[in-house]
């Protein structure tokens, strides 16, 4: 049967760089609501890439396609390079035969998804505008919270008071699932610190946090670590980039609430943790550091 081919439309910057480095072999790891998760180099350096439709927000390790190709089964072998991802059929030993499919990535737009540091005026606006996001976060917070949420909050509160980055390092892997809430909060904090990096105190914390995080990758799921590492490199999920930008607006209004709502929609609880992390870093009293 002929191969079904699709042209990717957008690629996150980290996925783009990874594919450009050479041939990768892997498999379809799991489906999610709007796409598939692919796992490459499983034995040596496990790396996850999402192939997803525009219904899922772009992130540094995602590839966006107009629609998912049909007939791709979990476990199907895949190989990729800078031009395409090719899916092979499963053998009869592993399940029913599936249709070959290919996703062409060469001409897709590569998005670095980076946050532009605030100006002095934007820093002041963000500190003021965060109150509206806090209200929205409190309204959307579920009645039944994750068992680790109290511990995560306590760590963040101590960091806000002391500036001790070893406290933040303890968040890595804290929580359940493939993206623990501690990791999500850290991604949000990194987003906030990146936005505030024109302030020397925030820049020092950002640089030091990057160094601290470099040695703790084994504490969490590889997919979550990839998002943390991308955040440390200055690249974030698209809704988080939009939120940070809106926080610095002179008259944020509906744009800010819409951006915060998009962040809150990420994952089951990830969005709440991401937003909480941004607000914690933007709300810290940097002038006293």
Protein backbone atom coordinates (compact mmCIF):
# COMPACT_ATOMS: atom_id res chain seq x y z
CA UNK A 1 0.00 0.00 0.00
CA UNK A 2 1.26 3.51 -0.83
CA UNK A 3 2.77 5.59 1.90
CA UNK A 4 0.49 8.29 3.29
CA UNK A 5 2.49 11.52 3.51
CA UNK A 6 1.78 14.73 5.40
CA UNK A 7 3.62 18.04 5.43
CA UNK A 8 4.35 19.36 8.91
CA UNK A 9 3.45 23.03 9.36
CA UNK A 10 5.44 24.05 12.48
CA UNK A 11 8.18 22.56 14.65
CA UNK A 12 9.42 23.55 18.08
CA UNK A 13 13.04 24.65 18.15
CA UNK A 14 14.41 21.75 20.19
CA UNK A 15 12.70 19.12 18.02
CA UNK A 16 14.04 20.90 14.94
CA UNK A 17 17.63 20.85 16.23
CA UNK A 18 17.36 17.23 17.33
CA UNK A 19 16.14 16.03 13.93
CA UNK A 20 18.75 18.09 12.08
CA UNK A 21 21.57 16.29 13.90
CA UNK A 22 21.18 13.04 11.96
CA UNK A 23 19.25 9.80 11.65
CA UNK A 24 17.18 8.79 14.70
CA UNK A 25 15.49 5.46 15.30
CA UNK A 26 12.58 4.91 17.64
CA UNK A 27 8.95 3.92 17.99
CA UNK A 28 5.47 5.23 18.64
CA UNK A 29 5.34 5.38 22.44
CA UNK A 30 1.78 6.45 23.20
CA UNK A 31 -1.23 8.36 21.88
CA UNK A 32 -2.68 11.46 23.49
CA UNK A 33 -5.78 13.49 22.77
CA UNK A 34 -4.44 15.41 19.77
CA UNK A 35 -1.49 13.36 18.61
CA UNK A 36 1.20 10.78 19.25
CA UNK A 37 4.31 10.67 21.40
CA UNK A 38 7.41 9.23 19.72
CA UNK A 39 10.36 7.83 21.62
CA UNK A 40 13.79 7.87 19.94
CA UNK A 41 17.10 6.39 21.10
CA UNK A 42 15.33 4.53 23.87
CA UNK A 43 18.35 2.58 25.06
CA UNK A 44 21.06 5.24 24.90
CA UNK A 45 19.48 8.70 25.24
CA UNK A 46 15.67 8.46 25.42
CA UNK A 47 14.11 11.45 23.69
CA UNK A 48 10.39 12.19 23.25
CA UNK A 49 8.89 14.14 20.37
CA UNK A 50 5.20 14.94 20.04
CA UNK A 51 3.49 14.80 16.65
CA UNK A 52 0.26 16.73 17.07
CA UNK A 53 -2.50 18.66 15.36
CA UNK A 54 -3.05 22.44 15.76
CA UNK A 55 -5.55 21.63 18.52
CA UNK A 56 -2.56 21.04 20.84
CA UNK A 57 -0.34 24.03 21.68
CA UNK A 58 3.14 23.97 20.16
CA UNK A 59 6.04 23.36 22.53
CA UNK A 60 9.82 23.04 22.06
CA UNK A 61 9.67 19.28 21.42
CA UNK A 62 6.55 19.21 19.21
CA UNK A 63 5.86 18.84 15.50
CA UNK A 64 2.56 20.24 14.23
CA UNK A 65 0.70 18.56 11.36
CA UNK A 66 -2.68 19.48 9.77
CA UNK A 67 -4.15 16.12 10.82
CA UNK A 68 -2.81 12.86 12.18
CA UNK A 69 -2.04 10.18 9.57
CA UNK A 70 -4.32 7.16 10.04
CA UNK A 71 -3.30 3.63 10.91
CA UNK A 72 -0.26 4.27 13.12
CA UNK A 73 -0.21 1.83 16.02
CA UNK A 74 1.50 2.12 19.38
CA UNK A 75 4.82 0.33 19.16
CA UNK A 76 5.21 0.93 15.42
CA UNK A 77 8.88 1.51 14.49
CA UNK A 78 9.83 5.00 13.31
CA UNK A 79 12.93 6.65 11.98
CA UNK A 80 13.61 10.32 11.41
CA UNK A 81 16.09 12.77 9.95
CA UNK A 82 16.08 16.44 9.01
CA UNK A 83 13.61 15.83 6.16
CA UNK A 84 10.98 13.40 7.41
CA UNK A 85 9.65 11.02 10.01
CA UNK A 86 8.78 7.64 8.54
CA UNK A 87 6.55 5.09 10.25
CA UNK A 88 7.02 1.41 9.50
CA UNK A 89 4.34 -1.28 9.75
CA UNK A 90 4.18 -3.52 12.78
CA UNK A 91 5.10 -7.14 12.10
CA UNK A 92 2.52 -9.86 12.62
CA UNK A 93 4.41 -10.89 15.76
CA UNK A 94 3.62 -7.57 17.41
CA UNK A 95 0.07 -6.96 16.23
CA UNK A 96 -2.00 -6.17 13.16
CA UNK A 97 -0.28 -4.79 10.08
CA UNK A 98 -0.57 -1.03 9.72
CA UNK A 99 -0.21 1.40 6.84
CA UNK A 100 3.12 3.13 6.25
CA UNK A 101 3.03 6.89 6.80
CA UNK A 102 5.52 9.75 6.50
CA UNK A 103 5.61 13.27 7.88
CA UNK A 104 7.77 15.72 5.93
CA UNK A 105 9.42 18.27 8.21
CA UNK A 106 12.02 20.00 6.02
CA UNK A 107 9.91 23.01 5.02
CA UNK A 108 7.98 23.44 8.24
CA UNK A 109 8.50 26.70 10.13
CA UNK A 110 10.85 26.27 13.09
CA UNK A 111 9.71 28.20 16.19
CA UNK A 112 12.21 28.77 19.01
CA UNK A 113 9.38 29.84 21.38
CA UNK A 114 11.59 32.19 23.35
CA UNK A 115 10.60 34.83 25.88
CA UNK A 116 11.77 38.39 25.28
CA UNK A 117 13.06 40.00 28.52
CA UNK A 118 10.90 42.78 29.92
CA UNK A 119 11.82 46.43 29.80
CA UNK A 120 11.85 48.30 33.11
CA UNK A 121 8.31 49.55 32.48
CA UNK A 122 7.09 46.05 31.58
CA UNK A 123 8.55 44.68 34.81
CA UNK A 124 6.44 47.16 36.76
CA UNK A 125 3.35 46.28 34.73
CA UNK A 126 3.84 42.55 35.22
CA UNK A 127 4.09 42.96 38.99
CA UNK A 128 0.78 44.85 38.90
CA UNK A 129 -1.01 42.63 36.37
CA UNK A 130 -0.25 39.38 38.18
CA UNK A 131 -3.14 39.99 40.62
CA UNK A 132 -5.69 39.25 37.88
CA UNK A 133 -3.94 35.96 37.11
CA UNK A 134 -3.88 35.04 40.79
CA UNK A 135 -7.64 35.51 40.99
CA UNK A 136 -8.15 33.33 37.93
CA UNK A 137 -5.82 30.67 39.33
CA UNK A 138 -7.74 30.60 42.62
CA UNK A 139 -11.05 30.33 40.77
CA UNK A 140 -9.86 27.43 38.59
CA UNK A 141 -8.02 25.52 41.31
CA UNK A 142 -9.72 22.09 41.70
CA UNK A 143 -11.24 21.16 45.03
CA UNK A 144 -9.28 17.91 45.11
CA UNK A 145 -5.58 18.78 44.81
CA UNK A 146 -2.56 16.60 44.21
CA UNK A 147 -0.99 15.18 47.35
CA UNK A 148 2.30 16.98 46.66
CA UNK A 149 0.81 20.44 46.07
CA UNK A 150 1.25 21.57 49.67
CA UNK A 151 4.89 20.55 49.64
CA UNK A 152 5.49 22.30 46.33
CA UNK A 153 3.88 25.50 47.61
CA UNK A 154 5.97 25.42 50.78
CA UNK A 155 9.21 25.06 48.81
CA UNK A 156 8.29 27.96 46.51
CA UNK A 157 7.35 30.16 49.47
CA UNK A 158 10.70 29.46 51.14
CA UNK A 159 12.55 30.29 47.93
CA UNK A 160 10.66 33.58 47.60
CA UNK A 161 11.80 34.49 51.11
CA UNK A 162 15.38 33.19 51.06
CA UNK A 163 16.41 32.98 47.41
CA UNK A 164 17.94 29.54 48.13
CA UNK A 165 18.12 27.76 44.76
CA UNK A 166 18.80 24.37 46.35
CA UNK A 167 15.18 24.55 47.52
CA UNK A 168 14.02 24.85 43.93
CA UNK A 169 16.21 21.93 42.87
CA UNK A 170 14.26 19.78 45.33
CA UNK A 171 11.15 20.34 43.17
CA UNK A 172 12.55 18.23 40.32
CA UNK A 173 10.45 15.05 40.04
CA UNK A 174 8.17 16.09 42.92
CA UNK A 175 4.69 14.91 42.05
CA UNK A 176 3.05 12.21 39.97
CA UNK A 177 2.80 11.47 36.26
CA UNK A 178 5.17 12.06 33.37
CA UNK A 179 5.26 15.81 34.14
CA UNK A 180 5.28 16.14 37.95
CA UNK A 181 3.88 19.36 39.41
CA UNK A 182 7.28 20.31 40.82
CA UNK A 183 8.77 20.25 37.32
CA UNK A 184 5.90 22.33 35.93
CA UNK A 185 6.32 24.95 38.66
CA UNK A 186 10.03 25.12 37.85
CA UNK A 187 9.30 25.67 34.15
CA UNK A 188 7.02 28.55 35.16
CA UNK A 189 9.67 30.01 37.46
CA UNK A 190 12.25 29.79 34.67
CA UNK A 191 9.82 31.61 32.36
CA UNK A 192 9.38 34.39 34.90
CA UNK A 193 13.11 34.71 35.56
CA UNK A 194 13.79 34.84 31.82
CA UNK A 195 11.30 37.69 31.46
CA UNK A 196 12.90 39.52 34.40
CA UNK A 197 16.49 38.91 33.30
CA UNK A 198 17.12 42.62 32.67
CA UNK A 199 17.23 42.87 36.48
CA UNK A 200 20.69 41.86 37.66
CA UNK A 201 19.36 39.97 40.71
CA UNK A 202 16.90 37.94 38.59
CA UNK A 203 19.61 37.27 36.00
CA UNK A 204 21.95 35.94 38.70
CA UNK A 205 19.22 33.62 39.97
CA UNK A 206 18.41 32.45 36.45
CA UNK A 207 22.05 31.66 35.63
CA UNK A 208 22.59 29.92 38.97
CA UNK A 209 19.36 27.90 38.65
CA UNK A 210 20.45 26.69 35.23
CA UNK A 211 23.67 25.39 36.75
CA UNK A 212 21.87 23.74 39.66
CA UNK A 213 19.41 21.97 37.35
CA UNK A 214 22.16 20.60 35.10
CA UNK A 215 22.93 17.81 37.58
CA UNK A 216 19.46 16.57 38.56
CA UNK A 217 18.06 15.06 35.35
CA UNK A 218 17.80 11.51 36.73
CA UNK A 219 15.18 12.52 39.31
CA UNK A 220 12.31 12.83 36.85
CA UNK A 221 10.72 11.36 33.71
CA UNK A 222 12.80 11.97 30.54
CA UNK A 223 9.92 13.77 28.79
CA UNK A 224 9.53 16.14 31.73
CA UNK A 225 13.27 16.69 31.92
CA UNK A 226 13.29 17.67 28.24
CA UNK A 227 10.79 20.45 28.97
CA UNK A 228 12.83 21.58 31.98
CA UNK A 229 16.04 21.59 29.96
CA UNK A 230 14.34 23.52 27.16
CA UNK A 231 13.08 26.07 29.71
CA UNK A 232 16.58 26.42 31.15
CA UNK A 233 17.71 27.08 27.58
CA UNK A 234 15.06 29.81 27.26
CA UNK A 235 12.41 27.93 25.24
CA UNK A 236 8.87 27.34 26.51
CA UNK A 237 5.41 26.07 25.48
CA UNK A 238 3.68 28.63 23.27
CA UNK A 239 0.87 29.47 25.74
CA UNK A 240 3.49 30.30 28.39
CA UNK A 241 5.32 32.63 25.99
CA UNK A 242 2.03 34.38 25.22
CA UNK A 243 1.16 34.69 28.92
CA UNK A 244 4.49 36.27 29.87
CA UNK A 245 4.13 38.73 27.00
CA UNK A 246 0.59 39.67 28.06
CA UNK A 247 1.68 40.19 31.68
CA UNK A 248 3.83 43.09 30.54
CA UNK A 249 1.05 44.85 28.62
CA UNK A 250 0.02 48.39 29.55
CA UNK A 251 -3.67 47.43 29.32
CA UNK A 252 -3.72 43.60 29.43
CA UNK A 253 -7.48 43.13 29.85
CA UNK A 254 -8.93 40.28 27.84
CA UNK A 255 -5.58 39.36 26.27
CA UNK A 256 -4.08 38.52 29.64
CA UNK A 257 -7.09 36.53 30.83
CA UNK A 258 -7.22 34.64 27.53
CA UNK A 259 -3.50 33.82 27.74
CA UNK A 260 -3.80 32.68 31.38
CA UNK A 261 -6.81 30.54 30.47
CA UNK A 262 -4.81 28.86 27.70
CA UNK A 263 -2.01 28.06 30.15
CA UNK A 264 -4.49 26.65 32.67
CA UNK A 265 -5.84 24.33 29.96
CA UNK A 266 -2.48 22.56 29.59
CA UNK A 267 -2.66 18.98 30.87
CA UNK A 268 -4.73 17.82 33.81
CA UNK A 269 -2.95 20.04 36.38
CA UNK A 270 0.19 21.19 34.55
CA UNK A 271 -1.30 24.53 33.59
CA UNK A 272 -2.02 25.46 37.20
CA UNK A 273 1.54 24.65 38.22
CA UNK A 274 3.04 26.52 35.25
CA UNK A 275 0.99 29.63 36.01
CA UNK A 276 1.81 29.42 39.72
CA UNK A 277 5.51 29.28 38.89
CA UNK A 278 5.38 32.36 36.67
CA UNK A 279 3.45 34.35 39.27
CA UNK A 280 5.84 33.28 42.04
CA UNK A 281 8.89 34.57 40.20
CA UNK A 282 7.28 37.77 38.92
CA UNK A 283 5.96 38.47 42.40
CA UNK A 284 9.28 38.14 44.21
CA UNK A 285 10.71 41.37 45.65
CA UNK A 286 13.75 41.58 43.37
CA UNK A 287 14.58 45.12 44.37
CA UNK A 288 15.68 43.80 47.76
CA UNK A 289 17.99 41.11 46.37
